[in-house]
Amino acid sequence: MRITFCCTGTKAQPWLEGLQAALPGAVVDLWTAGAASADYAVVWAPPQQFFDEQTGLKGIFNIGAGVDALMKLRLPPGVPVVRLDDAGMSVQMAEYVCHAVIRHFREFDGYEADVNAGKWSYRKPRSRADFSVGIMGMGVLGERVAQALQAFELPLRGWSRSPKSLPGVQCFAGEAQFHDFLAATRILVCLLPLTPDTRDIMNRDTLSRLQPDAYVINVARGAHLVDEDLIALIDSGHLAGATLDVFRTEPLPAQHPFWKHPKITVTPHTSARTLREESIVQIAGKIVALERGEPIAGIVNPARGY
């Protein structure tokens, strides 16, 4: 069994060594143009040439939860594409979103600005009932975020493509219930996969349907958000602000208005990073299962794009 590794922008050697240790009977190597045909591929942002040459693959493993970039390529027909189910990302995402939600709800950003100005200030405590959190995308990450947020006793809503049920969360599903979900939301968290249906989903129309003085947290993909619409709605007073971890162009261009907007917090796509050791264990386990003819989780539906 041969496994080839092709991950742009990733230090290859630790992955190669880890995969070799987890699968001692396999040949594990770094892909180069013209390399021998492999049985399985471990990839992140590979070039089209990789798939044009690797025609004998039995499985493609993406070292991340999002596969939108991969879906743009011409992939070998019938070969399963497998995303990471979790591999340590969900707890990181829960940490990030809880921090952003509580920072806004408790007005810690306002206190920080006052302290920097040398001002000792007091703000009236807000009512938790007034700050419902709406999570778009109730997959593995969305459910973990919702579970973590329950500890803070804020009203929780969830919206997904298909119906879901989660204790403590009012769930909405499908296009028919999308506007009701938005109207019930004061803090919006985007955890959707990026597909043709979800691209630009946070635009002037949808964001205007949120409750007045709403707050936006985007930890999914930059293309979910129409940048100029967000800024316009913040400047008009309809939105209170935003915390953004993902952007249409990364790194975020130096002249982009997000950098200096006083009501927008920017972080460098760090909400949930791939943890190598956990990912290797998961990938190796799934390769062994596929070799045995056993079913595995995380296979991407090409029609849905996730």
Protein backbone atom coordinates (compact mmCIF):
# COMPACT_ATOMS: atom_id res chain seq x y z
CA MET A 1 0.00 0.00 0.00
CA ARG A 2 1.36 3.41 -1.00
CA ILE A 3 0.29 6.72 0.52
CA THR A 4 1.30 10.02 -1.04
CA PHE A 5 1.30 13.39 0.74
CA CYS A 6 0.59 16.65 -1.10
CA CYS A 7 -0.24 19.54 1.21
CA THR A 8 0.56 23.07 0.08
CA GLY A 9 1.96 25.32 2.80
CA THR A 10 2.40 22.43 5.25
CA LYS A 11 5.68 21.14 6.69
CA ALA A 12 5.71 17.65 5.24
CA GLN A 13 8.30 15.72 7.27
CA PRO A 14 6.36 15.43 10.57
CA TRP A 15 3.30 14.23 8.64
CA LEU A 16 5.32 11.68 6.68
CA GLU A 17 6.95 10.35 9.82
CA GLY A 18 3.66 10.23 11.71
CA LEU A 19 1.80 8.43 8.93
CA GLN A 20 4.66 5.96 8.52
CA ALA A 21 4.63 5.20 12.25
CA ALA A 22 0.83 4.76 12.24
CA LEU A 23 0.91 2.57 9.12
CA PRO A 24 4.22 0.68 9.32
CA GLY A 25 3.37 -1.64 6.47
CA ALA A 26 2.78 1.18 4.00
CA VAL A 27 5.08 3.19 1.77
CA VAL A 28 4.57 6.85 2.64
CA ASP A 29 6.16 9.53 0.49
CA LEU A 30 5.96 13.15 -0.57
CA TRP A 31 4.38 13.67 -3.96
CA THR A 32 6.44 15.14 -6.75
CA ALA A 33 5.51 15.44 -10.39
CA GLY A 34 5.74 12.06 -12.10
CA ALA A 35 5.71 10.11 -8.82
CA ALA A 36 4.56 6.51 -8.67
CA SER A 37 0.84 5.83 -8.43
CA ALA A 38 -0.48 5.72 -4.87
CA ASP A 39 -3.45 4.01 -3.23
CA TYR A 40 -4.34 6.87 -0.88
CA ALA A 41 -3.65 10.59 -0.89
CA VAL A 42 -3.38 12.98 2.05
CA VAL A 43 -3.88 16.48 0.67
CA TRP A 44 -4.42 20.16 1.30
CA ALA A 45 -4.77 22.56 -1.66
CA PRO A 46 -3.08 20.20 -4.16
CA PRO A 47 -2.58 21.29 -7.79
CA GLN A 48 -4.74 19.86 -10.55
CA GLN A 49 -1.64 18.07 -11.87
CA PHE A 50 -1.67 15.89 -8.77
CA PHE A 51 -5.04 14.36 -9.62
CA ASP A 52 -4.29 14.25 -13.34
CA GLU A 53 -1.34 11.98 -12.55
CA GLN A 54 -2.69 10.02 -9.57
CA THR A 55 -5.33 8.00 -11.37
CA GLY A 56 -5.24 4.89 -9.16
CA LEU A 57 -6.37 6.40 -5.87
CA LYS A 58 -8.80 4.54 -3.64
CA GLY A 59 -9.30 7.41 -1.21
CA ILE A 60 -8.46 11.11 -0.82
CA PHE A 61 -8.01 12.49 2.71
CA ASN A 62 -8.27 16.24 3.21
CA ILE A 63 -6.41 17.53 6.30
CA GLY A 64 -9.17 19.91 7.28
CA ALA A 65 -12.92 20.07 7.78
CA GLY A 66 -13.53 22.35 4.76
CA VAL A 67 -13.28 20.82 1.30
CA ASP A 68 -14.50 23.74 -0.81
CA ALA A 69 -11.09 24.29 -2.49
CA LEU A 70 -10.82 20.60 -3.29
CA MET A 71 -14.27 20.52 -4.87
CA LYS A 72 -13.15 23.07 -7.48
CA LEU A 73 -10.69 20.57 -8.99
CA ARG A 74 -11.33 17.70 -11.41
CA LEU A 75 -11.22 14.73 -9.07
CA PRO A 76 -10.97 11.05 -10.03
CA PRO A 77 -14.54 9.80 -10.55
CA GLY A 78 -15.89 7.51 -7.87
CA VAL A 79 -12.99 8.01 -5.46
CA PRO A 80 -14.20 8.97 -1.96
CA VAL A 81 -13.06 12.31 -0.58
CA VAL A 82 -12.79 12.17 3.20
CA ARG A 83 -12.70 15.20 5.49
CA LEU A 84 -11.59 15.28 9.09
CA ASP A 85 -14.51 14.71 11.46
CA ASP A 86 -12.96 16.62 14.31
CA ALA A 87 -9.34 15.78 15.19
CA GLY A 88 -9.22 18.35 17.98
CA MET A 89 -10.78 21.18 15.98
CA SER A 90 -14.19 21.27 17.64
CA VAL A 91 -12.94 22.14 21.12
CA GLN A 92 -10.76 24.90 19.64
CA MET A 93 -13.77 26.25 17.76
CA ALA A 94 -15.87 26.15 20.92
CA GLU A 95 -13.19 28.10 22.79
CA TYR A 96 -13.01 30.74 20.08
CA VAL A 97 -16.75 31.25 19.67
CA CYS A 98 -17.44 31.29 23.41
CA HIS A 99 -14.73 33.91 23.85
CA ALA A 100 -16.16 36.08 21.05
CA VAL A 101 -19.74 35.73 22.31
CA ILE A 102 -18.91 36.54 25.92
CA ARG A 103 -16.56 39.36 24.95
CA HIS A 104 -19.45 41.02 23.14
CA PHE A 105 -22.21 40.17 25.61
CA ARG A 106 -20.22 41.36 28.62
CA GLU A 107 -18.91 44.40 26.66
CA PHE A 108 -15.31 43.55 27.43
CA ASP A 109 -14.32 45.24 24.17
CA GLY A 110 -15.87 48.47 25.48
CA TYR A 111 -14.13 48.12 28.84
CA GLU A 112 -10.83 47.50 27.05
CA ALA A 113 -11.24 50.69 25.03
CA ASP A 114 -12.08 52.66 28.19
CA VAL A 115 -9.05 51.29 30.04
CA ASN A 116 -6.78 52.15 27.12
CA ALA A 117 -8.15 55.69 27.34
CA GLY A 118 -7.53 55.81 31.09
CA LYS A 119 -11.25 55.78 31.87
CA TRP A 120 -12.82 53.93 34.84
CA SER A 121 -16.27 53.00 33.54
CA TYR A 122 -19.44 51.14 34.51
CA ARG A 123 -21.93 49.47 32.21
CA LYS A 124 -25.31 48.18 33.22
CA PRO A 125 -25.43 44.35 33.09
CA ARG A 126 -27.27 43.07 30.04
CA SER A 127 -30.12 40.58 30.14
CA ARG A 128 -29.17 37.13 28.87
CA ALA A 129 -32.68 36.67 27.50
CA ASP A 130 -32.01 39.53 25.06
CA PHE A 131 -28.91 37.93 23.52
CA SER A 132 -29.96 34.84 21.63
CA VAL A 133 -27.11 33.14 19.80
CA GLY A 134 -27.89 31.68 16.38
CA ILE A 135 -25.51 29.11 14.90
CA MET A 136 -25.61 28.58 11.14
CA GLY A 137 -24.32 25.09 10.48
CA MET A 138 -25.08 22.31 12.96
CA GLY A 139 -22.48 19.75 11.99
CA VAL A 140 -19.77 18.40 14.29
CA LEU A 141 -18.33 21.85 14.94
CA GLY A 142 -21.69 23.59 15.28
CA GLU A 143 -23.01 21.07 17.76
CA ARG A 144 -19.84 21.28 19.86
CA VAL A 145 -20.08 25.09 19.91
CA ALA A 146 -23.74 24.92 20.94
CA GLN A 147 -22.95 22.50 23.75
CA ALA A 148 -20.23 24.79 25.08
CA LEU A 149 -22.43 27.89 24.92
CA GLN A 150 -25.15 26.22 27.00
CA ALA A 151 -23.00 26.79 30.09
CA PHE A 152 -23.61 30.55 29.77
CA GLU A 153 -27.41 30.23 29.72
CA LEU A 154 -27.94 32.36 26.63
CA PRO A 155 -30.89 31.43 24.38
CA LEU A 156 -29.56 29.19 21.60
CA ARG A 157 -30.83 28.73 18.03
CA GLY A 158 -29.46 26.50 15.33
CA TRP A 159 -30.02 26.44 11.57
CA SER A 160 -28.99 23.70 9.17
CA ARG A 161 -29.84 22.36 5.74
CA SER A 162 -31.65 19.34 7.18
CA PRO A 163 -33.57 19.05 10.47
CA LYS A 164 -31.50 18.55 13.62
CA SER A 165 -32.39 18.06 17.26
CA LEU A 166 -30.11 19.14 20.09
CA PRO A 167 -31.16 19.55 23.74
CA GLY A 168 -31.28 23.18 24.78
CA VAL A 169 -31.22 24.49 21.20
CA GLN A 170 -34.20 25.72 19.19
CA CYS A 171 -33.50 24.21 15.77
CA PHE A 172 -34.53 25.58 12.38
CA ALA A 173 -33.98 23.86 9.05
CA GLY A 174 -34.05 24.62 5.36
CA GLU A 175 -34.85 27.68 3.33
CA ALA A 176 -38.42 27.79 4.65
CA GLN A 177 -37.26 28.47 8.22
CA PHE A 178 -34.17 30.57 7.48
CA HIS A 179 -35.78 33.99 7.91
CA ASP A 180 -37.43 32.91 11.16
CA PHE A 181 -34.02 31.80 12.41
CA LEU A 182 -32.46 35.16 11.53
CA ALA A 183 -35.29 37.10 13.20
CA ALA A 184 -34.72 35.11 16.39
CA THR A 185 -30.96 35.82 16.47
CA ARG A 186 -29.00 38.60 18.22
CA ILE A 187 -25.51 37.07 17.88
CA LEU A 188 -24.96 35.21 14.61
CA VAL A 189 -22.26 32.53 14.34
CA CYS A 190 -21.42 31.16 10.89
CA LEU A 191 -20.11 27.58 10.82
CA LEU A 192 -21.49 26.57 7.43
CA PRO A 193 -19.58 24.65 4.76
CA LEU A 194 -18.89 26.78 1.70
CA THR A 195 -21.06 25.64 -1.21
CA PRO A 196 -22.71 27.47 -4.12
CA ASP A 197 -25.84 27.76 -1.95
CA THR A 198 -24.02 29.29 1.04
CA ARG A 199 -21.66 31.65 -0.78
CA ASP A 200 -22.55 35.28 0.12
CA ILE A 201 -25.22 34.02 2.53
CA MET A 202 -24.40 36.86 4.93
CA ASN A 203 -25.41 39.84 2.82
CA ARG A 204 -27.38 43.05 3.26
CA ASP A 205 -30.74 41.27 3.04
CA THR A 206 -30.01 38.43 5.44
CA LEU A 207 -28.02 40.48 7.96
CA SER A 208 -30.78 43.09 7.99
CA ARG A 209 -33.19 40.40 9.21
CA LEU A 210 -31.20 39.88 12.41
CA GLN A 211 -32.43 41.54 15.58
CA PRO A 212 -31.43 45.21 15.95
CA ASP A 213 -27.91 45.75 17.33
CA ALA A 214 -26.93 42.21 16.31
CA TYR A 215 -23.38 40.92 16.27
CA VAL A 216 -21.71 38.70 13.65
CA ILE A 217 -19.06 36.02 14.21
CA ASN A 218 -17.65 34.32 11.09
CA VAL A 219 -15.40 31.30 11.64
CA ALA A 220 -16.35 29.35 8.49
CA ARG A 221 -15.18 30.85 5.17
CA GLY A 222 -14.64 34.43 4.06
CA ALA A 223 -16.81 33.95 0.98
CA HIS A 224 -19.87 33.48 3.19
CA LEU A 225 -19.80 37.21 3.95
CA VAL A 226 -20.29 40.20 1.67
CA ASP A 227 -17.72 42.52 3.21
CA GLU A 228 -19.16 45.84 2.10
CA ASP A 229 -22.66 44.88 3.28
CA LEU A 230 -21.35 44.09 6.76
CA ILE A 231 -19.54 47.43 7.01
CA ALA A 232 -22.57 49.35 5.75
CA LEU A 233 -24.88 47.74 8.31
CA ILE A 234 -22.43 48.37 11.15
CA ASP A 235 -21.98 51.99 10.12
CA SER A 236 -25.76 52.45 9.87
CA GLY A 237 -26.17 51.18 13.44
CA HIS A 238 -28.19 48.06 12.59
CA LEU A 239 -25.28 45.80 13.54
CA ALA A 240 -23.21 46.29 16.69
CA GLY A 241 -20.04 44.84 15.18
CA ALA A 242 -18.30 41.62 14.21
CA THR A 243 -15.53 39.17 15.02
CA LEU A 244 -14.02 37.72 11.86
CA ASP A 245 -11.49 34.91 11.58
CA VAL A 246 -11.83 34.11 7.86
CA PHE A 247 -11.64 36.30 4.77
CA ARG A 248 -12.10 36.22 1.02
CA THR A 249 -8.38 36.86 0.55
CA GLU A 250 -5.91 35.51 3.08
CA PRO A 251 -3.76 36.98 4.46
CA LEU A 252 -6.17 39.89 4.73
CA PRO A 253 -4.82 42.67 2.46
CA ALA A 254 -3.11 45.50 4.34
CA GLN A 255 -5.51 48.14 2.99
CA HIS A 256 -8.71 46.23 3.74
CA PRO A 257 -11.11 48.33 5.87
CA PHE A 258 -11.64 45.47 8.34
CA TRP A 259 -8.19 46.13 9.83
CA LYS A 260 -9.01 49.54 11.21
CA HIS A 261 -12.77 49.44 11.70
CA PRO A 262 -13.41 50.19 15.39
CA LYS A 263 -16.25 47.69 15.67
CA ILE A 264 -14.63 44.78 13.86
CA THR A 265 -12.24 42.34 15.54
CA VAL A 266 -9.92 40.47 13.18
CA THR A 267 -7.96 37.27 13.87
CA PRO A 268 -5.70 35.45 11.34
CA HIS A 269 -7.75 32.30 10.58
CA THR A 270 -6.80 30.72 13.86
CA SER A 271 -10.14 29.68 15.37
CA ALA A 272 -9.52 25.94 14.84
CA ARG A 273 -6.21 24.68 13.52
CA THR A 274 -5.56 21.14 12.31
CA LEU A 275 -3.82 19.16 15.06
CA ARG A 276 -1.33 16.87 13.34
CA GLU A 277 -1.15 13.97 15.80
CA GLU A 278 -4.93 13.66 16.17
CA SER A 279 -5.39 13.95 12.42
CA ILE A 280 -2.84 11.24 11.65
CA VAL A 281 -4.53 8.81 14.04
CA GLN A 282 -7.90 9.47 12.39
CA ILE A 283 -6.61 9.21 8.82
CA ALA A 284 -4.65 6.02 9.52
CA GLY A 285 -7.66 4.43 11.19
CA LYS A 286 -9.86 5.21 8.21
CA ILE A 287 -7.34 3.88 5.72
CA VAL A 288 -7.20 0.59 7.65
CA ALA A 289 -11.01 0.46 7.69
CA LEU A 290 -11.22 1.07 3.93
CA GLU A 291 -8.66 -1.66 3.30
CA ARG A 292 -10.90 -4.01 5.29
CA GLY A 293 -13.97 -2.93 3.33
CA GLU A 294 -15.51 -1.27 6.39
CA PRO A 295 -17.60 1.93 6.28
CA ILE A 296 -16.04 5.18 7.52
CA ALA A 297 -17.38 8.57 8.57
CA GLY A 298 -16.56 11.87 6.90
CA ILE A 299 -17.07 10.94 3.25
CA VAL A 300 -17.96 14.07 1.30
CA ASN A 301 -21.14 14.18 -0.76
CA PRO A 302 -20.01 15.84 -4.03
CA ALA A 303 -23.54 17.05 -4.77
CA ARG A 304 -23.66 18.94 -1.47
CA GLY A 305 -20.01 19.92 -1.37
CA TYR A 306 -19.46 18.70 2.20
